[in-house]
PDB file of N, CA and C in Angstrom:
ATOM      1  N   ASP A   1     -25.012   0.142  -7.763  1.00  0.00           N
ATOM      2  CA  ASP A   1     -25.843   0.505  -8.921  1.00  0.00           C
ATOM      3  C   ASP A   1     -26.265  -0.699  -9.659  1.00  0.00           C
ATOM      4  N   ARG A   2     -27.348  -1.081  -9.547  1.00  0.00           N
ATOM      5  CA  ARG A   2     -27.783  -2.493 -10.103  1.00  0.00           C
ATOM      6  C   ARG A   2     -27.218  -2.839 -11.566  1.00  0.00           C
ATOM      7  N   ALA A   3     -27.370  -2.157 -12.405  1.00  0.00           N
ATOM      8  CA  ALA A   3     -26.725  -2.270 -13.946  1.00  0.00           C
ATOM      9  C   ALA A   3     -25.100  -2.998 -13.657  1.00  0.00           C
ATOM     10  N   ARG A   4     -24.396  -1.946 -12.801  1.00  0.00           N
ATOM     11  CA  ARG A   4     -22.830  -2.416 -12.754  1.00  0.00           C
ATOM     12  C   ARG A   4     -22.864  -4.069 -11.717  1.00  0.00           C
ATOM     13  N   GLY A   5     -23.978  -4.175 -10.905  1.00  0.00           N
ATOM     14  CA  GLY A   5     -23.981  -5.448 -10.273  1.00  0.00           C
ATOM     15  C   GLY A   5     -24.290  -6.507 -11.223  1.00  0.00           C
ATOM     16  N   ARG A   6     -25.059  -6.350 -12.225  1.00  0.00           N
ATOM     17  CA  ARG A   6     -25.557  -7.553 -12.907  1.00  0.00           C
ATOM     18  C   ARG A   6     -23.893  -7.426 -14.304  1.00  0.00           C
ATOM     19  N   GLU A   7     -23.670  -6.585 -14.551  1.00  0.00           N
ATOM     20  CA  GLU A   7     -22.378  -6.792 -15.338  1.00  0.00           C
ATOM     21  C   GLU A   7     -21.173  -7.347 -14.658  1.00  0.00           C
ATOM     22  N   ARG A   8     -21.152  -7.209 -13.468  1.00  0.00           N
ATOM     23  CA  ARG A   8     -19.913  -7.761 -13.079  1.00  0.00           C
ATOM     24  C   ARG A   8     -20.140  -9.514 -12.676  1.00  0.00           C
ATOM     25  N   LEU A   9     -21.598  -9.753 -12.561  1.00  0.00           N
ATOM     26  CA  LEU A   9     -22.200 -11.123 -12.438  1.00  0.00           C
ATOM     27  C   LEU A   9     -21.879 -11.811 -13.794  1.00  0.00           C
ATOM     28  N   ARG A  10     -22.324 -10.999 -15.000  1.00  0.00           N
ATOM     29  CA  ARG A  10     -22.283 -11.617 -16.145  1.00  0.00           C
ATOM     30  C   ARG A  10     -20.833 -11.776 -16.490  1.00  0.00           C
ATOM     31  N   ARG A  11     -19.970 -10.883 -16.098  1.00  0.00           N
ATOM     32  CA  ARG A  11     -18.257 -11.148 -16.702  1.00  0.00           C
ATOM     33  C   ARG A  11     -17.953 -12.313 -15.744  1.00  0.00           C
ATOM     34  N   GLY A  12     -18.556 -12.586 -14.381  1.00  0.00           N
ATOM     35  CA  GLY A  12     -17.926 -13.543 -13.322  1.00  0.00           C
ATOM     36  C   GLY A  12     -18.140 -15.045 -14.188  1.00  0.00           C
ATOM     37  N   PHE A  13     -19.476 -14.964 -14.469  1.00  0.00           N
ATOM     38  CA  PHE A  13     -19.796 -16.433 -15.264  1.00  0.00           C
ATOM     39  C   PHE A  13     -19.102 -16.695 -16.479  1.00  0.00           C
ATOM     40  N   GLU A  14     -18.980 -15.609 -17.309  1.00  0.00           N
ATOM     41  CA  GLU A  14     -17.942 -15.634 -18.829  1.00  0.00           C
ATOM     42  C   GLU A  14     -16.583 -16.078 -18.120  1.00  0.00           C
ATOM     43  N   GLU A  15     -16.078 -15.546 -16.995  1.00  0.00           N
ATOM     44  CA  GLU A  15     -14.677 -15.823 -16.782  1.00  0.00           C
ATOM     45  C   GLU A  15     -14.543 -17.253 -16.192  1.00  0.00           C
ATOM     46  N   LYS A  16     -15.714 -17.713 -15.469  1.00  0.00           N
ATOM     47  CA  LYS A  16     -15.535 -19.228 -15.061  1.00  0.00           C
ATOM     48  C   LYS A  16     -15.562 -19.958 -16.296  1.00  0.00           C
ATOM     49  N   ASP A  17     -16.215 -19.736 -17.236  1.00  0.00           N
ATOM     50  CA  ASP A  17     -16.499 -20.452 -18.468  1.00  0.00           C
ATOM     51  C   ASP A  17     -15.065 -20.765 -19.120  1.00  0.00           C
ATOM     52  N   GLU A  18     -14.346 -19.428 -19.231  1.00  0.00           N
ATOM     53  CA  GLU A  18     -13.061 -19.115 -19.559  1.00  0.00           C
ATOM     54  C   GLU A  18     -11.919 -20.189 -18.873  1.00  0.00           C
ATOM     55  N   VAL A  19     -11.961 -20.083 -17.646  1.00  0.00           N
ATOM     56  CA  VAL A  19     -11.118 -21.082 -16.618  1.00  0.00           C
ATOM     57  C   VAL A  19     -11.573 -22.515 -17.052  1.00  0.00           C
ATOM     58  N   CYS A  20     -12.564 -22.803 -17.058  1.00  0.00           N
ATOM     59  CA  CYS A  20     -13.090 -24.221 -17.310  1.00  0.00           C
ATOM     60  C   CYS A  20     -12.376 -24.813 -18.793  1.00  0.00           C
ATOM     61  N   THR A  21     -12.397 -23.769 -19.840  1.00  0.00           N
ATOM     62  CA  THR A  21     -11.843 -23.987 -20.787  1.00  0.00           C
ATOM     63  C   THR A  21     -10.284 -24.358 -20.807  1.00  0.00           C
ATOM     64  N   ILE A  22      -9.729 -23.211 -20.269  1.00  0.00           N
ATOM     65  CA  ILE A  22      -8.235 -23.222 -20.121  1.00  0.00           C
ATOM     66  C   ILE A  22      -7.659 -24.476 -19.303  1.00  0.00           C
ATOM     67  N   ARG A  23      -8.279 -24.790 -17.976  1.00  0.00           N
ATOM     68  CA  ARG A  23      -7.872 -25.973 -17.250  1.00  0.00           C
ATOM     69  C   ARG A  23      -8.412 -27.361 -18.104  1.00  0.00           C
ATOM     70  N   SER A  24      -9.148 -27.485 -18.909  1.00  0.00           N
ATOM     71  CA  SER A  24      -9.242 -28.663 -19.346  1.00  0.00           C
ATOM     72  C   SER A  24      -8.072 -28.694 -20.559  1.00  0.00           C
ATOM     73  N   LYS A  25      -7.863 -27.569 -21.393  1.00  0.00           N
ATOM     74  CA  LYS A  25      -7.045 -27.755 -22.463  1.00  0.00           C
ATOM     75  C   LYS A  25      -5.470 -27.765 -21.935  1.00  0.00           C
ATOM     76  N   PHE A  26      -5.483 -27.150 -20.798  1.00  0.00           N
ATOM     77  CA  PHE A  26      -4.067 -26.853 -19.874  1.00  0.00           C
ATOM     78  C   PHE A  26      -3.940 -27.232 -18.730  1.00  0.00           C
ATOM     79  N   PRO A  27      -4.346 -28.667 -18.215  1.00  0.00           N
ATOM     80  CA  PRO A  27      -4.395 -29.135 -16.774  1.00  0.00           C
ATOM     81  C   PRO A  27      -3.093 -28.796 -15.989  1.00  0.00           C
ATOM     82  N   ASN A  28      -1.914 -28.506 -16.535  1.00  0.00           N
ATOM     83  CA  ASN A  28      -0.894 -28.596 -15.829  1.00  0.00           C
ATOM     84  C   ASN A  28      -0.421 -26.925 -15.665  1.00  0.00           C
ATOM     85  N   LYS A  29      -1.164 -26.108 -15.791  1.00  0.00           N
ATOM     86  CA  LYS A  29      -1.098 -24.545 -15.932  1.00  0.00           C
ATOM     87  C   LYS A  29      -2.267 -24.211 -15.207  1.00  0.00           C
ATOM     88  N   LEU A  30      -1.896 -22.760 -14.663  1.00  0.00           N
ATOM     89  CA  LEU A  30      -2.682 -22.048 -13.632  1.00  0.00           C
ATOM     90  C   LEU A  30      -3.029 -20.621 -14.438  1.00  0.00           C
ATOM     91  N   PRO A  31      -4.286 -20.491 -14.423  1.00  0.00           N
ATOM     92  CA  PRO A  31      -4.755 -19.267 -14.994  1.00  0.00           C
ATOM     93  C   PRO A  31      -4.448 -17.897 -13.799  1.00  0.00           C
ATOM     94  N   VAL A  32      -3.782 -16.987 -14.412  1.00  0.00           N
ATOM     95  CA  VAL A  32      -3.420 -15.824 -13.498  1.00  0.00           C
ATOM     96  C   VAL A  32      -3.796 -14.481 -14.313  1.00  0.00           C
ATOM     97  N   ILE A  33      -4.108 -13.346 -13.731  1.00  0.00           N
ATOM     98  CA  ILE A  33      -4.165 -12.184 -14.234  1.00  0.00           C
ATOM     99  C   ILE A  33      -3.440 -11.366 -13.336  1.00  0.00           C
ATOM    100  N   VAL A  34      -2.676 -10.553 -13.817  1.00  0.00           N
ATOM    101  CA  VAL A  34      -1.881  -9.439 -13.599  1.00  0.00           C
ATOM    102  C   VAL A  34      -2.624  -8.060 -13.655  1.00  0.00           C
ATOM    103  N   GLU A  35      -2.351  -7.529 -12.545  1.00  0.00           N
ATOM    104  CA  GLU A  35      -3.169  -5.892 -13.078  1.00  0.00           C
ATOM    105  C   GLU A  35      -2.445  -5.197 -12.243  1.00  0.00           C
ATOM    106  N   ARG A  36      -2.239  -3.635 -13.000  1.00  0.00           N
ATOM    107  CA  ARG A  36      -1.773  -2.874 -12.482  1.00  0.00           C
ATOM    108  C   ARG A  36      -2.744  -1.934 -11.237  1.00  0.00           C
ATOM    109  N   TYR A  37      -1.893  -1.647 -10.186  1.00  0.00           N
ATOM    110  CA  TYR A  37      -2.648  -0.968  -9.161  1.00  0.00           C
ATOM    111  C   TYR A  37      -3.356   0.324  -9.682  1.00  0.00           C
ATOM    112  N   LEU A  38      -4.448   0.639  -9.494  1.00  0.00           N
ATOM    113  CA  LEU A  38      -5.400   1.564  -9.870  1.00  0.00           C
ATOM    114  C   LEU A  38      -4.813   3.019 -10.026  1.00  0.00           C
ATOM    115  N   ARG A  39      -3.961   3.311  -8.824  1.00  0.00           N
ATOM    116  CA  ARG A  39      -3.348   4.790  -8.618  1.00  0.00           C
ATOM    117  C   ARG A  39      -1.938   4.592  -8.831  1.00  0.00           C
ATOM    118  N   GLU A  40      -1.291   3.542  -9.519  1.00  0.00           N
ATOM    119  CA  GLU A  40       0.066   3.483  -9.989  1.00  0.00           C
ATOM    120  C   GLU A  40       0.309   4.417 -11.020  1.00  0.00           C
ATOM    121  N   LYS A  41       1.356   5.184 -10.763  1.00  0.00           N
ATOM    122  CA  LYS A  41       1.661   6.315 -12.064  1.00  0.00           C
ATOM    123  C   LYS A  41       2.953   5.785 -12.566  1.00  0.00           C
ATOM    124  N   LYS A  42       4.046   5.249 -11.704  1.00  0.00           N
ATOM    125  CA  LYS A  42       5.354   4.915 -12.150  1.00  0.00           C
ATOM    126  C   LYS A  42       5.537   3.924 -13.268  1.00  0.00           C
ATOM    127  N   LEU A  43       4.724   2.583 -12.652  1.00  0.00           N
ATOM    128  CA  LEU A  43       5.133   1.365 -13.625  1.00  0.00           C
ATOM    129  C   LEU A  43       4.038   1.365 -14.810  1.00  0.00           C
ATOM    130  N   PRO A  44       4.442   0.894 -15.864  1.00  0.00           N
ATOM    131  CA  PRO A  44       3.801   0.972 -17.192  1.00  0.00           C
ATOM    132  C   PRO A  44       2.587  -0.282 -17.010  1.00  0.00           C
ATOM    133  N   LEU A  45       1.754  -0.099 -17.904  1.00  0.00           N
ATOM    134  CA  LEU A  45       0.719  -1.300 -17.827  1.00  0.00           C
ATOM    135  C   LEU A  45       1.375  -2.358 -18.674  1.00  0.00           C
ATOM    136  N   LEU A  46       0.960  -3.617 -18.629  1.00  0.00           N
ATOM    137  CA  LEU A  46       1.731  -4.490 -19.012  1.00  0.00           C
ATOM    138  C   LEU A  46       0.876  -4.852 -20.437  1.00  0.00           C
ATOM    139  N   ASP A  47       1.735  -5.521 -21.436  1.00  0.00           N
ATOM    140  CA  ASP A  47       1.076  -5.867 -22.927  1.00  0.00           C
ATOM    141  C   ASP A  47       0.236  -6.958 -22.715  1.00  0.00           C
ATOM    142  N   LYS A  48       0.455  -7.744 -21.846  1.00  0.00           N
ATOM    143  CA  LYS A  48      -0.258  -9.009 -21.705  1.00  0.00           C
ATOM    144  C   LYS A  48      -0.544  -9.054 -19.853  1.00  0.00           C
ATOM    145  N   THR A  49      -1.953  -9.407 -19.784  1.00  0.00           N
ATOM    146  CA  THR A  49      -2.306  -9.317 -18.305  1.00  0.00           C
ATOM    147  C   THR A  49      -2.552 -10.813 -17.837  1.00  0.00           C
ATOM    148  N   LYS A  50      -2.819 -11.806 -18.905  1.00  0.00           N
ATOM    149  CA  LYS A  50      -3.405 -13.184 -18.462  1.00  0.00           C
ATOM    150  C   LYS A  50      -2.234 -13.939 -18.991  1.00  0.00           C
ATOM    151  N   PHE A  51      -1.975 -15.126 -17.941  1.00  0.00           N
ATOM    152  CA  PHE A  51      -0.836 -15.893 -18.037  1.00  0.00           C
ATOM    153  C   PHE A  51      -1.308 -17.256 -17.544  1.00  0.00           C
ATOM    154  N   LEU A  52      -0.697 -18.091 -18.351  1.00  0.00           N
ATOM    155  CA  LEU A  52      -0.751 -19.523 -17.804  1.00  0.00           C
ATOM    156  C   LEU A  52       0.541 -19.948 -17.190  1.00  0.00           C
ATOM    157  N   VAL A  53       0.598 -20.416 -16.076  1.00  0.00           N
ATOM    158  CA  VAL A  53       1.834 -20.684 -15.387  1.00  0.00           C
ATOM    159  C   VAL A  53       1.969 -22.034 -14.787  1.00  0.00           C
ATOM    160  N   PRO A  54       3.175 -22.711 -14.653  1.00  0.00           N
ATOM    161  CA  PRO A  54       3.232 -24.097 -14.245  1.00  0.00           C
ATOM    162  C   PRO A  54       2.867 -23.915 -12.714  1.00  0.00           C
ATOM    163  N   HIS A  55       2.482 -24.933 -12.158  1.00  0.00           N
ATOM    164  CA  HIS A  55       2.381 -25.176 -10.440  1.00  0.00           C
ATOM    165  C   HIS A  55       3.624 -25.186  -9.767  1.00  0.00           C
ATOM    166  N   GLU A  56       4.657 -25.514 -10.408  1.00  0.00           N
ATOM    167  CA  GLU A  56       5.894 -25.828  -9.642  1.00  0.00           C
ATOM    168  C   GLU A  56       6.689 -24.367  -9.664  1.00  0.00           C
ATOM    169  N   LEU A  57       6.301 -23.288 -10.364  1.00  0.00           N
ATOM    170  CA  LEU A  57       6.840 -22.207 -10.563  1.00  0.00           C
ATOM    171  C   LEU A  57       7.015 -21.536  -9.370  1.00  0.00           C
ATOM    172  N   THR A  58       8.191 -21.197  -8.968  1.00  0.00           N
ATOM    173  CA  THR A  58       8.039 -20.069  -7.618  1.00  0.00           C
ATOM    174  C   THR A  58       7.393 -18.580  -7.954  1.00  0.00           C
ATOM    175  N   PHE A  59       6.760 -18.021  -6.932  1.00  0.00           N
ATOM    176  CA  PHE A  59       6.302 -16.664  -6.939  1.00  0.00           C
ATOM    177  C   PHE A  59       7.474 -15.774  -7.404  1.00  0.00           C
ATOM    178  N   GLY A  60       8.684 -15.894  -6.901  1.00  0.00           N
ATOM    179  CA  GLY A  60       9.732 -15.119  -7.304  1.00  0.00           C
ATOM    180  C   GLY A  60      10.056 -15.449  -8.677  1.00  0.00           C
ATOM    181  N   GLN A  61      10.323 -16.665  -9.000  1.00  0.00           N
ATOM    182  CA  GLN A  61      10.380 -16.928 -10.793  1.00  0.00           C
ATOM    183  C   GLN A  61       9.472 -16.404 -11.651  1.00  0.00           C
ATOM    184  N   PHE A  62       8.385 -16.122 -11.057  1.00  0.00           N
ATOM    185  CA  PHE A  62       7.365 -15.622 -11.935  1.00  0.00           C
ATOM    186  C   PHE A  62       7.797 -14.071 -12.315  1.00  0.00           C
ATOM    187  N   LEU A  63       8.317 -13.525 -11.436  1.00  0.00           N
ATOM    188  CA  LEU A  63       8.869 -12.128 -11.634  1.00  0.00           C
ATOM    189  C   LEU A  63      10.097 -12.172 -12.244  1.00  0.00           C
ATOM    190  N   THR A  64      10.297 -10.737 -12.969  1.00  0.00           N
ATOM    191  CA  THR A  64      11.782 -10.676 -13.531  1.00  0.00           C
ATOM    192  C   THR A  64      12.176  -9.184 -13.164  1.00  0.00           C
ATOM    193  N   LEU A  65      13.013  -9.245 -12.215  1.00  0.00           N
ATOM    194  CA  LEU A  65      13.394  -7.829 -11.805  1.00  0.00           C
ATOM    195  C   LEU A  65      14.577  -7.919 -11.593  1.00  0.00           C
ATOM    196  N   GLU A  66      15.606  -6.372 -11.678  1.00  0.00           N
ATOM    197  CA  GLU A  66      16.490  -6.328 -11.568  1.00  0.00           C
ATOM    198  C   GLU A  66      16.910  -5.909 -10.160  1.00  0.00           C
ATOM    199  N   ALA A  67      17.936  -6.178  -9.332  1.00  0.00           N
ATOM    200  CA  ALA A  67      18.244  -6.042  -8.205  1.00  0.00           C
ATOM    201  C   ALA A  67      18.032  -4.333  -7.720  1.00  0.00           C
ATOM    202  N   SER A  68      17.955  -3.543  -8.304  1.00  0.00           N
ATOM    203  CA  SER A  68      17.626  -2.420  -8.228  1.00  0.00           C
ATOM    204  C   SER A  68      15.916  -1.784  -7.918  1.00  0.00           C
ATOM    205  N   GLN A  69      15.307  -2.625  -8.509  1.00  0.00           N
ATOM    206  CA  GLN A  69      13.985  -2.709  -8.680  1.00  0.00           C
ATOM    207  C   GLN A  69      13.160  -2.983  -7.605  1.00  0.00           C
ATOM    208  N   ALA A  70      11.885  -2.416  -7.176  1.00  0.00           N
ATOM    209  CA  ALA A  70      11.129  -2.786  -6.147  1.00  0.00           C
ATOM    210  C   ALA A  70       9.776  -2.909  -6.721  1.00  0.00           C
ATOM    211  N   LEU A  71       8.852  -3.744  -6.081  1.00  0.00           N
ATOM    212  CA  LEU A  71       7.700  -3.993  -6.868  1.00  0.00           C
ATOM    213  C   LEU A  71       6.723  -4.814  -5.525  1.00  0.00           C
ATOM    214  N   TYR A  72       5.563  -4.275  -5.443  1.00  0.00           N
ATOM    215  CA  TYR A  72       4.887  -4.520  -4.409  1.00  0.00           C
ATOM    216  C   TYR A  72       3.717  -5.369  -4.973  1.00  0.00           C
ATOM    217  N   LEU A  73       3.353  -6.433  -4.489  1.00  0.00           N
ATOM    218  CA  LEU A  73       2.332  -7.280  -4.735  1.00  0.00           C
ATOM    219  C   LEU A  73       1.173  -7.389  -3.734  1.00  0.00           C
ATOM    220  N   LEU A  74      -0.201  -7.592  -4.400  1.00  0.00           N
ATOM    221  CA  LEU A  74      -1.058  -7.597  -3.609  1.00  0.00           C
ATOM    222  C   LEU A  74      -1.925  -8.689  -4.234  1.00  0.00           C
ATOM    223  N   ILE A  75      -2.449  -9.703  -3.372  1.00  0.00           N
ATOM    224  CA  ILE A  75      -2.986 -10.739  -3.778  1.00  0.00           C
ATOM    225  C   ILE A  75      -4.300 -11.074  -2.612  1.00  0.00           C
ATOM    226  N   SER A  76      -5.595 -10.960  -3.163  1.00  0.00           N
ATOM    227  CA  SER A  76      -6.826 -11.091  -2.307  1.00  0.00           C
ATOM    228  C   SER A  76      -6.717 -10.191  -0.882  1.00  0.00           C
ATOM    229  N   GLY A  77      -6.207  -9.071  -1.110  1.00  0.00           N
ATOM    230  CA  GLY A  77      -6.043  -8.006  -0.399  1.00  0.00           C
ATOM    231  C   GLY A  77      -5.084  -8.224   0.893  1.00  0.00           C
ATOM    232  N   LYS A  78      -3.922  -9.208   0.251  1.00  0.00           N
ATOM    233  CA  LYS A  78      -2.899  -9.166   1.208  1.00  0.00           C
ATOM    234  C   LYS A  78      -1.533  -8.729   0.576  1.00  0.00           C
ATOM    235  N   ASN A  79      -0.661  -8.041   1.171  1.00  0.00           N
ATOM    236  CA  ASN A  79       0.753  -8.204   0.320  1.00  0.00           C
ATOM    237  C   ASN A  79       1.375  -9.292   0.397  1.00  0.00           C
ATOM    238  N   MET A  80       1.878  -9.845  -0.608  1.00  0.00           N
ATOM    239  CA  MET A  80       2.440 -10.867  -0.940  1.00  0.00           C
ATOM    240  C   MET A  80       3.999 -10.589  -0.889  1.00  0.00           C
ATOM    241  N   SER A  81       4.601 -11.310   0.303  1.00  0.00           N
ATOM    242  CA  SER A  81       5.933 -11.343   0.602  1.00  0.00           C
ATOM    243  C   SER A  81       6.843 -12.717   0.577  1.00  0.00           C
ATOM    244  N   CYS A  82       6.245 -13.673   0.353  1.00  0.00           N
ATOM    245  CA  CYS A  82       6.974 -15.032   0.507  1.00  0.00           C
ATOM    246  C   CYS A  82       7.036 -15.362  -1.224  1.00  0.00           C
ATOM    247  N   LEU A  83       8.360 -14.959  -1.753  1.00  0.00           N
ATOM    248  CA  LEU A  83       8.306 -15.487  -3.263  1.00  0.00           C
ATOM    249  C   LEU A  83       9.040 -16.721  -3.295  1.00  0.00           C
ATOM    250  N   SER A  84       9.083 -17.389  -2.226  1.00  0.00           N
ATOM    251  CA  SER A  84       9.507 -19.125  -2.523  1.00  0.00           C
ATOM    252  C   SER A  84       8.312 -19.803  -2.761  1.00  0.00           C
ATOM    253  N   ALA A  85       7.150 -19.262  -2.414  1.00  0.00           N
ATOM    254  CA  ALA A  85       6.134 -20.236  -2.259  1.00  0.00           C
ATOM    255  C   ALA A  85       5.970 -20.392  -3.963  1.00  0.00           C
ATOM    256  N   SER A  86       5.126 -21.590  -4.121  1.00  0.00           N
ATOM    257  CA  SER A  86       4.844 -22.281  -5.509  1.00  0.00           C
ATOM    258  C   SER A  86       3.743 -21.375  -5.862  1.00  0.00           C
ATOM    259  N   MET A  87       3.549 -21.154  -7.410  1.00  0.00           N
ATOM    260  CA  MET A  87       2.471 -20.672  -8.064  1.00  0.00           C
ATOM    261  C   MET A  87       1.243 -21.524  -7.492  1.00  0.00           C
ATOM    262  N   GLY A  88       1.432 -22.825  -7.423  1.00  0.00           N
ATOM    263  CA  GLY A  88       0.474 -23.827  -6.885  1.00  0.00           C
ATOM    264  C   GLY A  88      -0.233 -23.516  -5.450  1.00  0.00           C
ATOM    265  N   GLU A  89       0.760 -23.274  -4.714  1.00  0.00           N
ATOM    266  CA  GLU A  89       0.351 -22.980  -3.043  1.00  0.00           C
ATOM    267  C   GLU A  89      -0.583 -21.550  -3.276  1.00  0.00           C
ATOM    268  N   VAL A  90       0.155 -20.673  -4.027  1.00  0.00           N
ATOM    269  CA  VAL A  90      -0.766 -19.420  -4.066  1.00  0.00           C
ATOM    270  C   VAL A  90      -1.832 -19.255  -4.662  1.00  0.00           C
ATOM    271  N   TYR A  91      -2.004 -20.129  -5.685  1.00  0.00           N
ATOM    272  CA  TYR A  91      -3.135 -20.241  -6.570  1.00  0.00           C
ATOM    273  C   TYR A  91      -4.414 -20.849  -5.634  1.00  0.00           C
ATOM    274  N   SER A  92      -4.003 -22.038  -4.831  1.00  0.00           N
ATOM    275  CA  SER A  92      -4.817 -22.794  -4.104  1.00  0.00           C
ATOM    276  C   SER A  92      -5.467 -21.977  -2.916  1.00  0.00           C
ATOM    277  N   GLN A  93      -4.594 -21.281  -2.425  1.00  0.00           N
ATOM    278  CA  GLN A  93      -4.933 -20.136  -1.152  1.00  0.00           C
ATOM    279  C   GLN A  93      -5.601 -19.126  -1.640  1.00  0.00           C
ATOM    280  N   PHE A  94      -5.384 -18.507  -2.707  1.00  0.00           N
ATOM    281  CA  PHE A  94      -5.755 -17.288  -3.208  1.00  0.00           C
ATOM    282  C   PHE A  94      -6.618 -16.869  -4.408  1.00  0.00           C
ATOM    283  N   ARG A  95      -7.123 -18.042  -5.057  1.00  0.00           N
ATOM    284  CA  ARG A  95      -7.645 -18.062  -6.322  1.00  0.00           C
ATOM    285  C   ARG A  95      -9.463 -17.270  -5.941  1.00  0.00           C
ATOM    286  N   ASP A  96      -9.682 -16.812  -6.861  1.00  0.00           N
ATOM    287  CA  ASP A  96     -10.926 -16.114  -6.973  1.00  0.00           C
ATOM    288  C   ASP A  96     -11.965 -17.193  -7.425  1.00  0.00           C
ATOM    289  N   PRO A  97     -13.109 -16.918  -6.848  1.00  0.00           N
ATOM    290  CA  PRO A  97     -14.183 -18.148  -7.192  1.00  0.00           C
ATOM    291  C   PRO A  97     -14.566 -17.985  -8.768  1.00  0.00           C
ATOM    292  N   ASP A  98     -14.048 -16.974  -9.457  1.00  0.00           N
ATOM    293  CA  ASP A  98     -14.073 -17.368 -10.918  1.00  0.00           C
ATOM    294  C   ASP A  98     -13.108 -17.933 -11.427  1.00  0.00           C
ATOM    295  N   GLY A  99     -11.965 -18.557 -10.819  1.00  0.00           N
ATOM    296  CA  GLY A  99     -10.785 -19.468 -11.378  1.00  0.00           C
ATOM    297  C   GLY A  99      -9.579 -18.913 -11.517  1.00  0.00           C
ATOM    298  N   PHE A 100      -9.690 -17.616 -11.430  1.00  0.00           N
ATOM    299  CA  PHE A 100      -8.255 -16.964 -11.819  1.00  0.00           C
ATOM    300  C   PHE A 100      -7.619 -16.432 -10.655  1.00  0.00           C
ATOM    301  N   LEU A 101      -6.359 -16.568 -10.580  1.00  0.00           N
ATOM    302  CA  LEU A 101      -5.652 -15.659  -9.565  1.00  0.00           C
ATOM    303  C   LEU A 101      -5.107 -14.211 -10.222  1.00  0.00           C
ATOM    304  N   TYR A 102      -5.881 -13.220  -9.122  1.00  0.00           N
ATOM    305  CA  TYR A 102      -5.518 -12.049  -9.678  1.00  0.00           C
ATOM    306  C   TYR A 102      -4.373 -11.417  -8.870  1.00  0.00           C
ATOM    307  N   ILE A 103      -3.478 -10.741  -9.540  1.00  0.00           N
ATOM    308  CA  ILE A 103      -2.279 -10.301  -8.812  1.00  0.00           C
ATOM    309  C   ILE A 103      -2.116  -8.668  -9.342  1.00  0.00           C
ATOM    310  N   THR A 104      -2.092  -7.856  -8.013  1.00  0.00           N
ATOM    311  CA  THR A 104      -2.148  -6.336  -8.561  1.00  0.00           C
ATOM    312  C   THR A 104      -0.682  -6.127  -7.998  1.00  0.00           C
ATOM    313  N   TYR A 105      -0.066  -5.034  -8.983  1.00  0.00           N
ATOM    314  CA  TYR A 105       1.348  -4.651  -8.672  1.00  0.00           C
ATOM    315  C   TYR A 105       1.365  -3.235  -8.707  1.00  0.00           C
ATOM    316  N   ALA A 106       2.448  -2.712  -7.970  1.00  0.00           N
ATOM    317  CA  ALA A 106       2.726  -1.320  -7.607  1.00  0.00           C
ATOM    318  C   ALA A 106       4.016  -0.780  -7.496  1.00  0.00           C
ATOM    319  N   SER A 107       4.555   0.232  -7.726  1.00  0.00           N
ATOM    320  CA  SER A 107       5.777   0.605  -7.389  1.00  0.00           C
ATOM    321  C   SER A 107       6.312   1.202  -5.665  1.00  0.00           C
ATOM    322  N   GLN A 108       5.036   1.167  -5.115  1.00  0.00           N
ATOM    323  CA  GLN A 108       5.392   1.238  -3.858  1.00  0.00           C
ATOM    324  C   GLN A 108       4.215   0.618  -2.887  1.00  0.00           C
ATOM    325  N   ASP A 109       4.526   0.526  -1.657  1.00  0.00           N
ATOM    326  CA  ASP A 109       3.500  -0.324  -0.659  1.00  0.00           C
ATOM    327  C   ASP A 109       2.060   0.323  -0.974  1.00  0.00           C
ATOM    328  N   ILE A 110       1.243  -0.770  -1.170  1.00  0.00           N
ATOM    329  CA  ILE A 110       0.017  -0.663  -1.458  1.00  0.00           C
ATOM    330  C   ILE A 110      -0.972  -0.592  -0.028  1.00  0.00           C
ATOM    331  N   ASP A 111      -1.682   0.339   0.224  1.00  0.00           N
ATOM    332  CA  ASP A 111      -2.404   0.252   1.545  1.00  0.00           C
ATOM    333  C   ASP A 111      -3.556  -0.606   1.256  1.00  0.00           C
ATOM    334  N   VAL A 112      -3.755  -1.517   1.757  1.00  0.00           N
ATOM    335  CA  VAL A 112      -4.878  -2.544   1.828  1.00  0.00           C
ATOM    336  C   VAL A 112      -6.003  -2.133   1.645  1.00  0.00           C
ATOM    337  N   THR A 113      -6.198  -1.120   2.516  1.00  0.00           N
ATOM    338  CA  THR A 113      -7.610  -0.869   3.125  1.00  0.00           C
ATOM    339  C   THR A 113      -8.298  -0.061   1.975  1.00  0.00           C
ATOM    340  N   SER A 114      -7.332   0.736   1.398  1.00  0.00           N
ATOM    341  CA  SER A 114      -7.860   1.670   0.358  1.00  0.00           C
ATOM    342  C   SER A 114      -8.060   0.853  -1.163  1.00  0.00           C
ATOM    343  N   GLN A 115      -7.085  -0.210  -1.218  1.00  0.00           N
ATOM    344  CA  GLN A 115      -7.267  -1.147  -2.247  1.00  0.00           C
ATOM    345  C   GLN A 115      -8.636  -1.664  -2.362  1.00  0.00           C
ATOM    346  N   ALA A 116      -9.008  -2.384  -1.197  1.00  0.00           N
ATOM    347  CA  ALA A 116     -10.313  -3.076  -0.850  1.00  0.00           C
ATOM    348  C   ALA A 116     -11.684  -2.122  -1.267  1.00  0.00           C
ATOM    349  N   ALA A 117     -11.213  -0.656  -0.753  1.00  0.00           N
ATOM    350  CA  ALA A 117     -12.424   0.383  -1.149  1.00  0.00           C
ATOM    351  C   ALA A 117     -12.532   0.466  -2.394  1.00  0.00           C
ATOM    352  N   GLN A 118     -11.662   0.303  -3.565  1.00  0.00           N
ATOM    353  CA  GLN A 118     -11.759   0.490  -4.930  1.00  0.00           C
ATOM    354  C   GLN A 118     -12.517  -0.450  -5.661  1.00  0.00           C
ATOM    355  N   SER A 119     -12.345  -1.669  -4.982  1.00  0.00           N
ATOM    356  CA  SER A 119     -13.032  -2.697  -5.384  1.00  0.00           C
ATOM    357  C   SER A 119     -14.360  -2.761  -5.737  1.00  0.00           C
TER     358      SER A 119
END
């Protein structure tokens, strides 16, 4: 649908402007958006979805989980399993063209092909 495509393009420009502003004010922080998987039923929505994180923070430190909890993460269509990678490494490899790093979370393993079809 053309209207939806124009809306997505307009939002992309707004988000690029937002990232430029964020990066100029906070050059040592990375802009991250964390979203719940569309079909997720068990995990709650987050109160806050936009985060500014330090480059050196590891992906594992970014998450706060108890030993009994399981959380599956998807970044750019790939399951993220290397929790020792720094957020700077993850950001440089997987950031969106709009400048944000998008992370999708779910309580069970996400079928990457169905996630791509939802986008």
